[in-house]
Amino acid sequence: MRRPFGFSDIILIDVRTTAEFDSGHIPGAIHLDYQAPDFSEKVAALDRTAVYLVYCRGGVRSARAMQIMQRMGFSRVYNLQGGLNRWQADGRPIVKPVVDSSSDEKQP
């Protein structure tokens, strides 16, 4: 999959809640909820040599997550300024889950 901006080595991290992530996210993003109790543990398992672009809805949580990652030894981590709000305002795509309407049908 081609990453945004044409950089194939960037790993996108969405640090919003699960409900926010499920409502739509940047294509190819992985989900690590900043507010989850195991956030630091999950971050610690990531490759510290990779390049990360972290985002949330507006940029506050991702800036905090980026600081945590930097304190943990990640040197190539960046915050997507303006977050998903800016991403969408710029007309860039997001992925939304496909809803299976057949599962909503009541059984007799």
C-alpha atoms as a PDB file:
ATOM      1  CA  MET A   1       0.000   0.000   0.000  1.00  0.00           C
ATOM      2  CA  ARG A   2       1.275   3.454  -0.876  1.00  0.00           C
ATOM      3  CA  ARG A   3       1.636   5.727   2.122  1.00  0.00           C
ATOM      4  CA  PRO A   4       0.463   9.355   2.160  1.00  0.00           C
ATOM      5  CA  PHE A   5       2.952  11.843   0.726  1.00  0.00           C
ATOM      6  CA  GLY A   6       4.660   9.036  -1.226  1.00  0.00           C
ATOM      7  CA  PHE A   7       6.969   8.008   1.625  1.00  0.00           C
ATOM      8  CA  SER A   8       6.938   4.233   1.800  1.00  0.00           C
ATOM      9  CA  ASP A   9       8.920   4.069   5.037  1.00  0.00           C
ATOM     10  CA  ILE A  10       6.502   6.136   7.142  1.00  0.00           C
ATOM     11  CA  ILE A  11       4.330   4.295   9.643  1.00  0.00           C
ATOM     12  CA  LEU A  12       1.120   6.140  10.495  1.00  0.00           C
ATOM     13  CA  ILE A  13      -0.114   5.847  14.077  1.00  0.00           C
ATOM     14  CA  ASP A  14      -3.637   6.936  15.004  1.00  0.00           C
ATOM     15  CA  VAL A  15      -3.705   7.624  18.757  1.00  0.00           C
ATOM     16  CA  ARG A  16      -7.441   8.333  19.022  1.00  0.00           C
ATOM     17  CA  THR A  17      -9.919   6.110  20.852  1.00  0.00           C
ATOM     18  CA  THR A  18     -11.195   2.911  19.276  1.00  0.00           C
ATOM     19  CA  ALA A  19     -14.570   4.521  18.536  1.00  0.00           C
ATOM     20  CA  GLU A  20     -12.850   7.436  16.797  1.00  0.00           C
ATOM     21  CA  PHE A  21     -10.586   5.118  14.800  1.00  0.00           C
ATOM     22  CA  ASP A  22     -13.552   2.987  13.745  1.00  0.00           C
ATOM     23  CA  SER A  23     -15.434   6.083  12.547  1.00  0.00           C
ATOM     24  CA  GLY A  24     -12.712   6.752   9.975  1.00  0.00           C
ATOM     25  CA  HIS A  25      -8.923   6.910   9.774  1.00  0.00           C
ATOM     26  CA  ILE A  26      -6.093   7.607   7.352  1.00  0.00           C
ATOM     27  CA  PRO A  27      -5.504   4.664   4.995  1.00  0.00           C
ATOM     28  CA  GLY A  28      -2.763   2.361   6.264  1.00  0.00           C
ATOM     29  CA  ALA A  29      -2.745   3.732   9.828  1.00  0.00           C
ATOM     30  CA  ILE A  30      -2.235   1.478  12.812  1.00  0.00           C
ATOM     31  CA  HIS A  31      -4.238   2.137  15.962  1.00  0.00           C
ATOM     32  CA  LEU A  32      -2.609   2.732  19.340  1.00  0.00           C
ATOM     33  CA  ASP A  33      -5.056   4.438  21.727  1.00  0.00           C
ATOM     34  CA  TYR A  34      -3.130   7.148  23.621  1.00  0.00           C
ATOM     35  CA  GLN A  35      -5.604   6.918  26.516  1.00  0.00           C
ATOM     36  CA  ALA A  36      -5.349   3.131  26.878  1.00  0.00           C
ATOM     37  CA  PRO A  37      -3.491   1.869  29.951  1.00  0.00           C
ATOM     38  CA  ASP A  38      -1.170  -0.232  27.784  1.00  0.00           C
ATOM     39  CA  PHE A  39      -0.218   2.563  25.357  1.00  0.00           C
ATOM     40  CA  SER A  40       3.411   2.786  26.525  1.00  0.00           C
ATOM     41  CA  GLU A  41       3.751  -0.991  26.494  1.00  0.00           C
ATOM     42  CA  LYS A  42       2.536  -1.174  22.884  1.00  0.00           C
ATOM     43  CA  VAL A  43       4.817   1.692  21.848  1.00  0.00           C
ATOM     44  CA  ALA A  44       7.775  -0.050  23.473  1.00  0.00           C
ATOM     45  CA  ALA A  45       7.247  -3.008  21.110  1.00  0.00           C
ATOM     46  CA  LEU A  46       7.672  -0.801  18.004  1.00  0.00           C
ATOM     47  CA  ASP A  47      10.849  -0.493  15.949  1.00  0.00           C
ATOM     48  CA  ARG A  48      12.752   2.548  17.264  1.00  0.00           C
ATOM     49  CA  THR A  49      14.562   2.994  13.930  1.00  0.00           C
ATOM     50  CA  ALA A  50      11.388   3.417  11.852  1.00  0.00           C
ATOM     51  CA  VAL A  51       9.812   6.743  10.866  1.00  0.00           C
ATOM     52  CA  TYR A  52       6.464   7.457  12.509  1.00  0.00           C
ATOM     53  CA  LEU A  53       3.793  10.039  11.757  1.00  0.00           C
ATOM     54  CA  VAL A  54       1.428  10.285  14.713  1.00  0.00           C
ATOM     55  CA  TYR A  55      -2.017  11.852  14.550  1.00  0.00           C
ATOM     56  CA  CYS A  56      -5.248  12.336  16.470  1.00  0.00           C
ATOM     57  CA  ARG A  57      -8.302  14.478  15.763  1.00  0.00           C
ATOM     58  CA  GLY A  58      -6.727  17.912  16.218  1.00  0.00           C
ATOM     59  CA  GLY A  59      -3.097  17.402  17.211  1.00  0.00           C
ATOM     60  CA  VAL A  60      -3.036  17.589  21.022  1.00  0.00           C
ATOM     61  CA  ARG A  61      -3.008  13.879  21.900  1.00  0.00           C
ATOM     62  CA  SER A  62      -0.624  13.099  19.072  1.00  0.00           C
ATOM     63  CA  ALA A  63       1.803  15.777  20.298  1.00  0.00           C
ATOM     64  CA  ARG A  64       1.740  14.180  23.754  1.00  0.00           C
ATOM     65  CA  ALA A  65       2.136  10.695  22.283  1.00  0.00           C
ATOM     66  CA  MET A  66       5.074  11.931  20.211  1.00  0.00           C
ATOM     67  CA  GLN A  67       6.757  13.275  23.362  1.00  0.00           C
ATOM     68  CA  ILE A  68       6.311   9.909  25.087  1.00  0.00           C
ATOM     69  CA  MET A  69       7.820   8.148  22.089  1.00  0.00           C
ATOM     70  CA  GLN A  70      10.772  10.538  22.014  1.00  0.00           C
ATOM     71  CA  ARG A  71      11.426   9.943  25.720  1.00  0.00           C
ATOM     72  CA  MET A  72      11.403   6.209  24.947  1.00  0.00           C
ATOM     73  CA  GLY A  73      14.166   6.627  22.374  1.00  0.00           C
ATOM     74  CA  PHE A  74      12.262   7.141  19.126  1.00  0.00           C
ATOM     75  CA  SER A  75      14.154   9.767  17.147  1.00  0.00           C
ATOM     76  CA  ARG A  76      12.140   9.814  13.913  1.00  0.00           C
ATOM     77  CA  VAL A  77       8.628  10.523  15.142  1.00  0.00           C
ATOM     78  CA  TYR A  78       6.526  13.418  13.865  1.00  0.00           C
ATOM     79  CA  ASN A  79       3.153  14.945  14.685  1.00  0.00           C
ATOM     80  CA  LEU A  80       0.636  15.484  11.880  1.00  0.00           C
ATOM     81  CA  GLN A  81      -0.151  19.164  12.462  1.00  0.00           C
ATOM     82  CA  GLY A  82      -3.891  19.732  12.658  1.00  0.00           C
ATOM     83  CA  GLY A  83      -4.580  16.021  12.914  1.00  0.00           C
ATOM     84  CA  LEU A  84      -7.354  14.245  11.072  1.00  0.00           C
ATOM     85  CA  ASN A  85      -9.422  17.439  10.991  1.00  0.00           C
ATOM     86  CA  ARG A  86      -6.787  19.146   8.842  1.00  0.00           C
ATOM     87  CA  TRP A  87      -6.257  15.999   6.778  1.00  0.00           C
ATOM     88  CA  GLN A  88      -9.941  15.913   5.845  1.00  0.00           C
ATOM     89  CA  ALA A  89     -10.155  19.699   5.350  1.00  0.00           C
ATOM     90  CA  ASP A  90      -7.363  19.352   2.784  1.00  0.00           C
ATOM     91  CA  GLY A  91      -9.519  16.831   0.901  1.00  0.00           C
ATOM     92  CA  ARG A  92      -7.389  13.801   1.694  1.00  0.00           C
ATOM     93  CA  PRO A  93      -9.014  10.348   1.945  1.00  0.00           C
ATOM     94  CA  ILE A  94     -10.023   8.421   5.036  1.00  0.00           C
ATOM     95  CA  VAL A  95     -11.094   4.814   5.450  1.00  0.00           C
ATOM     96  CA  LYS A  96     -14.448   4.014   7.013  1.00  0.00           C
ATOM     97  CA  PRO A  97     -15.558   0.518   7.972  1.00  0.00           C
ATOM     98  CA  VAL A  98     -18.002  -1.257   5.712  1.00  0.00           C
ATOM     99  CA  VAL A  99     -21.280  -1.885   7.498  1.00  0.00           C
ATOM    100  CA  ASP A 100     -22.871  -5.240   6.797  1.00  0.00           C
ATOM    101  CA  SER A 101     -26.588  -4.441   6.723  1.00  0.00           C
ATOM    102  CA  SER A 102     -27.500  -8.138   6.484  1.00  0.00           C
ATOM    103  CA  SER A 103     -26.418  -8.663  10.102  1.00  0.00           C
ATOM    104  CA  ASP A 104     -29.051  -6.140  11.217  1.00  0.00           C
ATOM    105  CA  GLU A 105     -31.893  -8.297   9.914  1.00  0.00           C
ATOM    106  CA  LYS A 106     -33.986  -9.912  12.607  1.00  0.00           C
ATOM    107  CA  GLN A 107     -34.306 -13.654  12.614  1.00  0.00           C
ATOM    108  CA  PRO A 108     -37.863 -15.102  12.796  1.00  0.00           C
END
